[in-house]
Amino acid sequence: MIRVNSFTWGYQDIHDEWHYFQADSAGGISVKYSVKNWGPKPVKKYTIYFKAYNGADEIVECTARHRSIAGVSSADCVEKDKTQSRLFENAWYNHSIRRVEIDHIDVVYTDNTTESCIGNYVLNEEEQKKQDKINKKVKKGCLIWFIITVIIWLVILSFFIPSLIKGMSYM
């Protein structure tokens, strides 16, 4: 399992100074990111796909490449429990970008098995089953809380409805 530990966007100037959350003069947006291999085997290659949003929270395209999702690949092996940091230069050209997030990640391990996921985590089949069980428990817990809340409101209303009916009968 590979995880993106951190990422930020902006641009790096000619003095190697990083300018957070803004485009360079040409509208270039770069992404600095760090990944860690939490899995039991080395990662042979990975591709992280990022998407960008404007101030109205709409997905925006690169004005030069006409794509909204930008992917960056690394063929450098990432050993188990090791971290790798990279710079994805000029992922987009667009002055309206205000937010960047991970769309999905594709991973190829050294034994040529693959994993894919949406967002920041890559889950293998066993981890996905565990997550599905947790999600079912959460949904069940939410349903129980909803039922309890409805019952409480019904009890509260049962005290007020008779007095409301009496009040209406006098009119």
N, C-alpha and C. Protein backbone atom coordinates (compact mmCIF):
# COMPACT_ATOMS: atom_id res chain seq x y z
N MET A 1 0.86 -1.17 0.00
CA MET A 1 0.00 0.00 0.00
C MET A 1 0.90 1.23 0.00
N ILE A 2 0.61 2.15 -0.88
CA ILE A 2 1.37 3.40 -0.93
C ILE A 2 0.44 4.52 -0.50
N ARG A 3 0.99 5.48 0.20
CA ARG A 3 0.19 6.60 0.68
C ARG A 3 0.92 7.90 0.38
N VAL A 4 0.17 8.90 -0.05
CA VAL A 4 0.75 10.23 -0.23
C VAL A 4 0.76 10.86 1.16
N ASN A 5 1.96 11.08 1.69
CA ASN A 5 2.10 11.66 3.02
C ASN A 5 1.73 13.14 3.03
N SER A 6 2.16 13.84 1.99
CA SER A 6 1.89 15.27 1.93
C SER A 6 2.01 15.74 0.50
N PHE A 7 1.32 16.83 0.20
CA PHE A 7 1.55 17.51 -1.06
C PHE A 7 1.11 18.96 -0.91
N THR A 8 1.73 19.80 -1.70
CA THR A 8 1.36 21.20 -1.74
C THR A 8 1.54 21.68 -3.17
N TRP A 9 0.96 22.80 -3.49
CA TRP A 9 1.07 23.30 -4.86
C TRP A 9 1.48 24.76 -4.85
N GLY A 10 2.02 25.19 -5.97
CA GLY A 10 2.52 26.55 -6.13
C GLY A 10 3.54 26.55 -7.25
N TYR A 11 4.64 27.29 -7.05
CA TYR A 11 5.71 27.25 -8.03
C TYR A 11 7.04 27.56 -7.36
N GLN A 12 8.11 27.15 -8.03
CA GLN A 12 9.46 27.38 -7.53
C GLN A 12 10.11 28.40 -8.46
N ASP A 13 10.63 29.49 -7.91
CA ASP A 13 11.23 30.53 -8.75
C ASP A 13 12.68 30.20 -9.10
N ILE A 14 13.33 31.11 -9.83
CA ILE A 14 14.70 30.84 -10.29
C ILE A 14 15.71 30.79 -9.15
N HIS A 15 15.31 31.26 -7.97
CA HIS A 15 16.19 31.21 -6.79
C HIS A 15 15.86 30.00 -5.91
N ASP A 16 15.10 29.05 -6.47
CA ASP A 16 14.66 27.84 -5.76
C ASP A 16 13.79 28.13 -4.54
N GLU A 17 13.15 29.29 -4.54
CA GLU A 17 12.23 29.63 -3.45
C GLU A 17 10.83 29.16 -3.84
N TRP A 18 10.16 28.49 -2.93
CA TRP A 18 8.82 27.95 -3.19
C TRP A 18 7.76 29.00 -2.84
N HIS A 19 6.81 29.22 -3.75
CA HIS A 19 5.71 30.16 -3.55
C HIS A 19 4.42 29.34 -3.46
N TYR A 20 3.87 29.26 -2.27
CA TYR A 20 2.71 28.42 -2.02
C TYR A 20 1.43 28.99 -2.61
N PHE A 21 0.59 28.10 -3.13
CA PHE A 21 -0.79 28.40 -3.52
C PHE A 21 -0.93 29.55 -4.51
N GLN A 22 -0.01 29.62 -5.46
CA GLN A 22 -0.12 30.63 -6.51
C GLN A 22 0.58 30.13 -7.76
N ALA A 23 0.21 30.71 -8.88
CA ALA A 23 0.81 30.34 -10.17
C ALA A 23 1.98 31.26 -10.48
N ASP A 24 2.90 30.76 -11.32
CA ASP A 24 3.99 31.63 -11.75
C ASP A 24 3.45 32.61 -12.80
N SER A 25 4.29 33.44 -13.36
CA SER A 25 3.83 34.49 -14.27
C SER A 25 3.16 33.93 -15.53
N ALA A 26 3.50 32.71 -15.92
CA ALA A 26 2.88 32.09 -17.10
C ALA A 26 1.64 31.28 -16.73
N GLY A 27 1.31 31.24 -15.45
CA GLY A 27 0.16 30.45 -14.99
C GLY A 27 0.54 29.03 -14.60
N GLY A 28 1.83 28.74 -14.55
CA GLY A 28 2.30 27.39 -14.22
C GLY A 28 2.08 27.04 -12.76
N ILE A 29 1.48 25.87 -12.56
CA ILE A 29 1.25 25.34 -11.21
C ILE A 29 2.01 24.02 -11.10
N SER A 30 2.84 23.90 -10.07
CA SER A 30 3.58 22.67 -9.81
C SER A 30 3.07 22.06 -8.50
N VAL A 31 3.36 20.76 -8.32
CA VAL A 31 2.93 20.05 -7.11
C VAL A 31 4.15 19.38 -6.49
N LYS A 32 4.42 19.69 -5.21
CA LYS A 32 5.45 18.97 -4.45
C LYS A 32 4.72 17.91 -3.65
N TYR A 33 5.23 16.67 -3.69
CA TYR A 33 4.55 15.61 -2.96
C TYR A 33 5.55 14.62 -2.36
N SER A 34 5.07 13.87 -1.39
CA SER A 34 5.87 12.85 -0.72
C SER A 34 5.01 11.60 -0.58
N VAL A 35 5.57 10.44 -0.92
CA VAL A 35 4.84 9.17 -0.78
C VAL A 35 5.62 8.24 0.14
N LYS A 36 4.89 7.35 0.79
CA LYS A 36 5.52 6.32 1.62
C LYS A 36 4.92 4.97 1.27
N ASN A 37 5.78 3.97 1.17
CA ASN A 37 5.33 2.61 0.89
C ASN A 37 5.07 1.90 2.22
N TRP A 38 3.79 1.72 2.55
CA TRP A 38 3.40 1.05 3.78
C TRP A 38 3.18 -0.44 3.56
N GLY A 39 3.32 -0.89 2.34
CA GLY A 39 3.00 -2.28 2.01
C GLY A 39 4.12 -3.25 2.30
N PRO A 40 3.83 -4.54 2.10
CA PRO A 40 4.80 -5.58 2.41
C PRO A 40 5.83 -5.82 1.31
N LYS A 41 5.66 -5.18 0.14
CA LYS A 41 6.59 -5.41 -0.97
C LYS A 41 6.96 -4.09 -1.64
N PRO A 42 8.10 -4.07 -2.33
CA PRO A 42 8.56 -2.83 -2.97
C PRO A 42 7.64 -2.39 -4.12
N VAL A 43 7.53 -1.08 -4.28
CA VAL A 43 6.76 -0.50 -5.38
C VAL A 43 7.72 -0.28 -6.55
N LYS A 44 7.36 -0.82 -7.70
CA LYS A 44 8.17 -0.67 -8.91
C LYS A 44 7.91 0.68 -9.59
N LYS A 45 6.63 1.05 -9.64
CA LYS A 45 6.23 2.27 -10.34
C LYS A 45 4.89 2.73 -9.79
N TYR A 46 4.66 4.03 -9.74
CA TYR A 46 3.35 4.55 -9.35
C TYR A 46 3.04 5.78 -10.19
N THR A 47 1.76 6.04 -10.32
CA THR A 47 1.30 7.26 -10.99
C THR A 47 0.25 7.90 -10.10
N ILE A 48 0.44 9.16 -9.78
CA ILE A 48 -0.53 9.93 -8.98
C ILE A 48 -1.21 10.91 -9.93
N TYR A 49 -2.53 10.92 -9.89
CA TYR A 49 -3.31 11.83 -10.73
C TYR A 49 -3.93 12.91 -9.84
N PHE A 50 -3.64 14.15 -10.16
CA PHE A 50 -4.15 15.30 -9.42
C PHE A 50 -5.21 16.01 -10.24
N LYS A 51 -6.14 16.68 -9.56
CA LYS A 51 -7.09 17.55 -10.27
C LYS A 51 -7.12 18.90 -9.58
N ALA A 52 -7.43 19.92 -10.37
CA ALA A 52 -7.38 21.30 -9.88
C ALA A 52 -8.76 21.94 -9.94
N TYR A 53 -9.00 22.86 -9.00
CA TYR A 53 -10.29 23.55 -8.89
C TYR A 53 -10.08 25.06 -8.88
N ASN A 54 -11.08 25.77 -9.36
CA ASN A 54 -11.05 27.24 -9.28
C ASN A 54 -11.72 27.71 -8.00
N GLY A 55 -11.87 29.01 -7.85
CA GLY A 55 -12.46 29.58 -6.64
C GLY A 55 -13.93 29.21 -6.44
N ALA A 56 -14.63 28.85 -7.52
CA ALA A 56 -16.03 28.42 -7.42
C ALA A 56 -16.14 26.91 -7.19
N ASP A 57 -15.02 26.27 -6.91
CA ASP A 57 -14.94 24.83 -6.65
C ASP A 57 -15.34 23.98 -7.86
N GLU A 58 -15.03 24.50 -9.04
CA GLU A 58 -15.25 23.77 -10.29
C GLU A 58 -13.91 23.22 -10.77
N ILE A 59 -13.93 22.01 -11.34
CA ILE A 59 -12.71 21.44 -11.89
C ILE A 59 -12.31 22.27 -13.11
N VAL A 60 -11.03 22.64 -13.19
CA VAL A 60 -10.54 23.47 -14.29
C VAL A 60 -9.49 22.72 -15.11
N GLU A 61 -9.34 23.14 -16.34
CA GLU A 61 -8.37 22.54 -17.26
C GLU A 61 -7.09 23.35 -17.32
N CYS A 62 -6.06 22.68 -17.77
CA CYS A 62 -4.81 23.36 -18.12
C CYS A 62 -5.09 24.11 -19.42
N THR A 63 -4.76 25.39 -19.48
CA THR A 63 -5.05 26.18 -20.68
C THR A 63 -4.13 25.79 -21.85
N ALA A 64 -3.02 25.15 -21.57
CA ALA A 64 -2.10 24.73 -22.64
C ALA A 64 -2.39 23.30 -23.11
N ARG A 65 -2.65 22.40 -22.18
CA ARG A 65 -2.82 20.98 -22.53
C ARG A 65 -4.28 20.54 -22.61
N HIS A 66 -5.19 21.38 -22.16
CA HIS A 66 -6.64 21.12 -22.20
C HIS A 66 -7.01 19.80 -21.51
N ARG A 67 -6.47 19.62 -20.31
CA ARG A 67 -6.82 18.46 -19.48
C ARG A 67 -7.02 18.96 -18.06
N SER A 68 -7.95 18.34 -17.36
CA SER A 68 -8.21 18.76 -15.98
C SER A 68 -7.45 17.88 -14.99
N ILE A 69 -7.20 16.63 -15.34
CA ILE A 69 -6.47 15.72 -14.45
C ILE A 69 -5.05 15.57 -14.98
N ALA A 70 -4.08 15.83 -14.11
CA ALA A 70 -2.67 15.75 -14.48
C ALA A 70 -2.02 14.62 -13.71
N GLY A 71 -1.34 13.72 -14.42
CA GLY A 71 -0.70 12.57 -13.78
C GLY A 71 0.80 12.67 -13.82
N VAL A 72 1.42 12.21 -12.76
CA VAL A 72 2.87 12.16 -12.69
C VAL A 72 3.28 10.74 -12.28
N SER A 73 4.26 10.18 -13.00
CA SER A 73 4.72 8.82 -12.73
C SER A 73 6.13 8.84 -12.18
N SER A 74 6.43 7.84 -11.39
CA SER A 74 7.79 7.64 -10.91
C SER A 74 8.13 6.17 -11.09
N ALA A 75 9.23 5.91 -11.81
CA ALA A 75 9.68 4.54 -12.02
C ALA A 75 10.80 4.19 -11.04
N ASP A 76 11.06 5.08 -10.08
CA ASP A 76 12.06 4.79 -9.05
C ASP A 76 11.43 3.87 -8.02
N CYS A 77 12.10 2.77 -7.73
CA CYS A 77 11.59 1.80 -6.76
C CYS A 77 11.44 2.44 -5.38
N VAL A 78 10.31 2.17 -4.73
CA VAL A 78 10.09 2.65 -3.37
C VAL A 78 10.03 1.41 -2.48
N GLU A 79 11.08 1.19 -1.71
CA GLU A 79 11.16 0.02 -0.83
C GLU A 79 10.14 0.12 0.31
N LYS A 80 9.85 -1.01 0.93
CA LYS A 80 8.93 -1.07 2.07
C LYS A 80 9.39 -0.10 3.16
N ASP A 81 8.46 0.67 3.72
CA ASP A 81 8.70 1.64 4.79
C ASP A 81 9.60 2.81 4.40
N LYS A 82 9.81 3.02 3.11
CA LYS A 82 10.64 4.14 2.64
C LYS A 82 9.75 5.24 2.08
N THR A 83 10.28 6.46 2.11
CA THR A 83 9.57 7.64 1.63
C THR A 83 10.30 8.21 0.43
N GLN A 84 9.52 8.77 -0.49
CA GLN A 84 10.09 9.40 -1.68
C GLN A 84 9.41 10.75 -1.88
N SER A 85 10.18 11.80 -2.11
CA SER A 85 9.63 13.14 -2.37
C SER A 85 9.97 13.55 -3.79
N ARG A 86 9.01 14.20 -4.44
CA ARG A 86 9.18 14.61 -5.84
C ARG A 86 8.52 15.97 -6.09
N LEU A 87 8.90 16.57 -7.20
CA LEU A 87 8.29 17.81 -7.68
C LEU A 87 7.71 17.53 -9.06
N PHE A 88 6.43 17.77 -9.23
CA PHE A 88 5.72 17.64 -10.51
C PHE A 88 5.60 19.05 -11.07
N GLU A 89 6.56 19.41 -11.94
CA GLU A 89 6.63 20.79 -12.43
C GLU A 89 5.60 21.07 -13.52
N ASN A 90 4.97 22.23 -13.41
CA ASN A 90 4.02 22.72 -14.41
C ASN A 90 2.96 21.68 -14.78
N ALA A 91 2.30 21.17 -13.77
CA ALA A 91 1.22 20.22 -13.99
C ALA A 91 0.08 20.86 -14.77
N TRP A 92 -0.17 22.13 -14.52
CA TRP A 92 -1.19 22.91 -15.23
C TRP A 92 -0.66 24.30 -15.51
N TYR A 93 -1.26 24.93 -16.50
CA TYR A 93 -1.11 26.37 -16.73
C TYR A 93 -2.51 26.94 -16.63
N ASN A 94 -2.78 27.64 -15.54
CA ASN A 94 -4.10 28.22 -15.35
C ASN A 94 -4.04 29.13 -14.12
N HIS A 95 -4.29 30.42 -14.32
CA HIS A 95 -4.23 31.39 -13.22
C HIS A 95 -5.41 31.27 -12.26
N SER A 96 -6.47 30.55 -12.63
CA SER A 96 -7.67 30.50 -11.78
C SER A 96 -7.64 29.38 -10.74
N ILE A 97 -6.59 28.56 -10.72
CA ILE A 97 -6.53 27.43 -9.78
C ILE A 97 -6.41 27.93 -8.35
N ARG A 98 -7.29 27.40 -7.49
CA ARG A 98 -7.29 27.78 -6.08
C ARG A 98 -7.16 26.57 -5.14
N ARG A 99 -7.31 25.36 -5.70
CA ARG A 99 -7.21 24.15 -4.87
C ARG A 99 -6.79 22.98 -5.74
N VAL A 100 -5.97 22.09 -5.18
CA VAL A 100 -5.52 20.88 -5.87
C VAL A 100 -5.77 19.70 -4.95
N GLU A 101 -6.27 18.59 -5.51
CA GLU A 101 -6.45 17.37 -4.69
C GLU A 101 -6.08 16.15 -5.51
N ILE A 102 -5.91 15.03 -4.83
CA ILE A 102 -5.57 13.77 -5.49
C ILE A 102 -6.85 13.17 -6.06
N ASP A 103 -6.80 12.78 -7.33
CA ASP A 103 -7.94 12.11 -7.95
C ASP A 103 -7.83 10.60 -7.73
N HIS A 104 -6.71 10.01 -8.16
CA HIS A 104 -6.49 8.58 -7.91
C HIS A 104 -5.02 8.24 -8.06
N ILE A 105 -4.68 7.02 -7.65
CA ILE A 105 -3.29 6.55 -7.68
C ILE A 105 -3.28 5.15 -8.27
N ASP A 106 -2.33 4.89 -9.19
CA ASP A 106 -2.11 3.55 -9.73
C ASP A 106 -0.72 3.10 -9.29
N VAL A 107 -0.61 1.85 -8.83
CA VAL A 107 0.65 1.32 -8.32
C VAL A 107 0.97 -0.01 -9.00
N VAL A 108 2.25 -0.20 -9.37
CA VAL A 108 2.74 -1.48 -9.87
C VAL A 108 3.86 -1.91 -8.93
N TYR A 109 3.72 -3.12 -8.38
CA TYR A 109 4.74 -3.66 -7.48
C TYR A 109 5.82 -4.39 -8.27
N THR A 110 6.93 -4.71 -7.61
CA THR A 110 8.04 -5.37 -8.29
C THR A 110 7.68 -6.77 -8.79
N ASP A 111 6.65 -7.37 -8.21
CA ASP A 111 6.18 -8.67 -8.72
C ASP A 111 5.12 -8.51 -9.81
N ASN A 112 4.95 -7.26 -10.30
CA ASN A 112 4.01 -6.87 -11.36
C ASN A 112 2.54 -6.98 -10.98
N THR A 113 2.21 -7.12 -9.69
CA THR A 113 0.82 -6.99 -9.27
C THR A 113 0.51 -5.50 -9.22
N THR A 114 -0.77 -5.16 -9.34
CA THR A 114 -1.15 -3.76 -9.38
C THR A 114 -2.24 -3.46 -8.37
N GLU A 115 -2.32 -2.20 -7.98
CA GLU A 115 -3.40 -1.69 -7.13
C GLU A 115 -3.77 -0.31 -7.62
N SER A 116 -5.00 0.06 -7.36
CA SER A 116 -5.51 1.36 -7.78
C SER A 116 -6.50 1.84 -6.74
N CYS A 117 -6.61 3.13 -6.58
CA CYS A 117 -7.64 3.64 -5.70
C CYS A 117 -7.95 5.08 -6.01
N ILE A 118 -9.07 5.52 -5.48
CA ILE A 118 -9.47 6.91 -5.60
C ILE A 118 -8.99 7.61 -4.33
N GLY A 119 -8.41 8.76 -4.46
CA GLY A 119 -7.99 9.54 -3.31
C GLY A 119 -6.59 9.21 -2.85
N ASN A 120 -6.35 9.38 -1.57
CA ASN A 120 -5.02 9.35 -1.01
C ASN A 120 -4.48 7.95 -0.70
N TYR A 121 -5.33 6.96 -0.55
CA TYR A 121 -4.87 5.65 -0.13
C TYR A 121 -5.06 4.61 -1.23
N VAL A 122 -4.18 3.64 -1.25
CA VAL A 122 -4.35 2.47 -2.10
C VAL A 122 -4.60 1.30 -1.16
N LEU A 123 -5.73 0.65 -1.31
CA LEU A 123 -6.08 -0.47 -0.44
C LEU A 123 -6.01 -1.77 -1.23
N ASN A 124 -5.38 -2.80 -0.65
CA ASN A 124 -5.42 -4.09 -1.31
C ASN A 124 -6.75 -4.77 -0.97
N GLU A 125 -6.98 -5.96 -1.51
CA GLU A 125 -8.28 -6.61 -1.37
C GLU A 125 -8.64 -6.87 0.10
N GLU A 126 -7.68 -7.34 0.90
CA GLU A 126 -7.93 -7.62 2.32
C GLU A 126 -8.28 -6.34 3.08
N GLU A 127 -7.53 -5.28 2.83
CA GLU A 127 -7.81 -4.00 3.50
C GLU A 127 -9.14 -3.43 3.07
N GLN A 128 -9.51 -3.65 1.78
CA GLN A 128 -10.79 -3.16 1.29
C GLN A 128 -11.94 -3.86 2.01
N LYS A 129 -11.80 -5.18 2.24
CA LYS A 129 -12.83 -5.93 2.97
C LYS A 129 -12.97 -5.39 4.39
N LYS A 130 -11.84 -5.10 5.06
CA LYS A 130 -11.88 -4.52 6.40
C LYS A 130 -12.60 -3.18 6.39
N GLN A 131 -12.27 -2.34 5.39
CA GLN A 131 -12.89 -1.02 5.29
C GLN A 131 -14.39 -1.15 5.02
N ASP A 132 -14.78 -2.12 4.19
CA ASP A 132 -16.21 -2.34 3.91
C ASP A 132 -16.96 -2.73 5.19
N LYS A 133 -16.34 -3.58 6.03
CA LYS A 133 -16.95 -3.97 7.30
C LYS A 133 -17.14 -2.75 8.20
N ILE A 134 -16.12 -1.92 8.26
CA ILE A 134 -16.20 -0.70 9.08
C ILE A 134 -17.32 0.20 8.56
N ASN A 135 -17.39 0.36 7.23
CA ASN A 135 -18.44 1.21 6.65
C ASN A 135 -19.83 0.68 6.97
N LYS A 136 -20.00 -0.66 6.93
CA LYS A 136 -21.31 -1.24 7.26
C LYS A 136 -21.67 -0.96 8.71
N LYS A 137 -20.69 -1.08 9.61
CA LYS A 137 -20.94 -0.79 11.03
C LYS A 137 -21.32 0.68 11.23
N VAL A 138 -20.62 1.55 10.52
CA VAL A 138 -20.92 2.99 10.64
C VAL A 138 -22.34 3.26 10.15
N LYS A 139 -22.71 2.68 9.01
CA LYS A 139 -24.06 2.88 8.47
C LYS A 139 -25.10 2.35 9.45
N LYS A 140 -24.84 1.17 10.02
CA LYS A 140 -25.76 0.57 10.99
C LYS A 140 -25.88 1.47 12.22
N GLY A 141 -24.74 1.99 12.70
CA GLY A 141 -24.75 2.88 13.85
C GLY A 141 -25.52 4.17 13.57
N CYS A 142 -25.36 4.70 12.36
CA CYS A 142 -26.09 5.92 11.98
C CYS A 142 -27.59 5.65 11.94
N LEU A 143 -27.98 4.49 11.42
CA LEU A 143 -29.39 4.14 11.36
C LEU A 143 -29.98 4.01 12.77
N ILE A 144 -29.24 3.38 13.67
CA ILE A 144 -29.70 3.24 15.06
C ILE A 144 -29.88 4.62 15.70
N TRP A 145 -28.90 5.52 15.52
CA TRP A 145 -29.01 6.87 16.08
C TRP A 145 -30.19 7.62 15.48
N PHE A 146 -30.45 7.43 14.20
CA PHE A 146 -31.59 8.08 13.55
C PHE A 146 -32.89 7.59 14.16
N ILE A 147 -33.01 6.28 14.34
CA ILE A 147 -34.23 5.70 14.93
C ILE A 147 -34.43 6.22 16.35
N ILE A 148 -33.36 6.25 17.14
CA ILE A 148 -33.45 6.75 18.51
C ILE A 148 -33.89 8.22 18.51
N THR A 149 -33.33 9.01 17.62
CA THR A 149 -33.69 10.43 17.53
C THR A 149 -35.17 10.59 17.18
N VAL A 150 -35.66 9.80 16.23
CA VAL A 150 -37.08 9.87 15.85
C VAL A 150 -37.97 9.50 17.03
N ILE A 151 -37.60 8.45 17.76
CA ILE A 151 -38.39 8.03 18.92
C ILE A 151 -38.42 9.14 19.97
N ILE A 152 -37.28 9.74 20.24
CA ILE A 152 -37.23 10.83 21.23
C ILE A 152 -38.14 11.97 20.80
N TRP A 153 -38.10 12.36 19.53
CA TRP A 153 -38.97 13.44 19.04
C TRP A 153 -40.44 13.06 19.14
N LEU A 154 -40.75 11.80 18.85
CA LEU A 154 -42.15 11.36 18.97
C LEU A 154 -42.63 11.44 20.42
N VAL A 155 -41.78 11.06 21.35
CA VAL A 155 -42.13 11.14 22.77
C VAL A 155 -42.33 12.60 23.17
N ILE A 156 -41.41 13.46 22.75
CA ILE A 156 -41.53 14.88 23.08
C ILE A 156 -42.81 15.46 22.49
N LEU A 157 -43.08 15.16 21.24
CA LEU A 157 -44.27 15.68 20.58
C LEU A 157 -45.56 15.12 21.19
N SER A 158 -45.51 13.90 21.72
CA SER A 158 -46.71 13.30 22.32
C SER A 158 -47.17 14.11 23.55
N PHE A 159 -46.24 14.81 24.19
CA PHE A 159 -46.62 15.65 25.32
C PHE A 159 -47.27 16.95 24.86
N PHE A 160 -46.83 17.48 23.73
CA PHE A 160 -47.33 18.77 23.25
C PHE A 160 -48.57 18.67 22.38
N ILE A 161 -48.75 17.59 21.66
CA ILE A 161 -49.88 17.47 20.74
C ILE A 161 -51.22 17.53 21.48
N PRO A 162 -51.42 16.82 22.61
CA PRO A 162 -52.71 16.93 23.31
C PRO A 162 -53.02 18.36 23.74
N SER A 163 -51.99 19.08 24.22
CA SER A 163 -52.25 20.46 24.65
C SER A 163 -52.54 21.36 23.44
N LEU A 164 -51.92 21.07 22.31
CA LEU A 164 -52.22 21.83 21.10
C LEU A 164 -53.65 21.58 20.63
N ILE A 165 -54.08 20.32 20.72
CA ILE A 165 -55.43 19.98 20.31
C ILE A 165 -56.46 20.64 21.22
N LYS A 166 -56.19 20.64 22.53
CA LYS A 166 -57.08 21.31 23.49
C LYS A 166 -57.13 22.80 23.18
N GLY A 167 -55.97 23.40 22.90
CA GLY A 167 -55.92 24.82 22.59
C GLY A 167 -56.71 25.14 21.32
N MET A 168 -56.69 24.27 20.35
CA MET A 168 -57.40 24.49 19.09
C MET A 168 -58.90 24.32 19.28
N SER A 169 -59.31 23.47 20.23
CA SER A 169 -60.74 23.22 20.43
C SER A 169 -61.46 24.43 21.03
N TYR A 170 -60.73 25.32 21.68
CA TYR A 170 -61.31 26.53 22.25
C TYR A 170 -61.56 27.61 21.20
N MET A 171 -60.96 27.46 20.05
CA MET A 171 -61.09 28.49 19.01
C MET A 171 -62.36 28.39 18.26
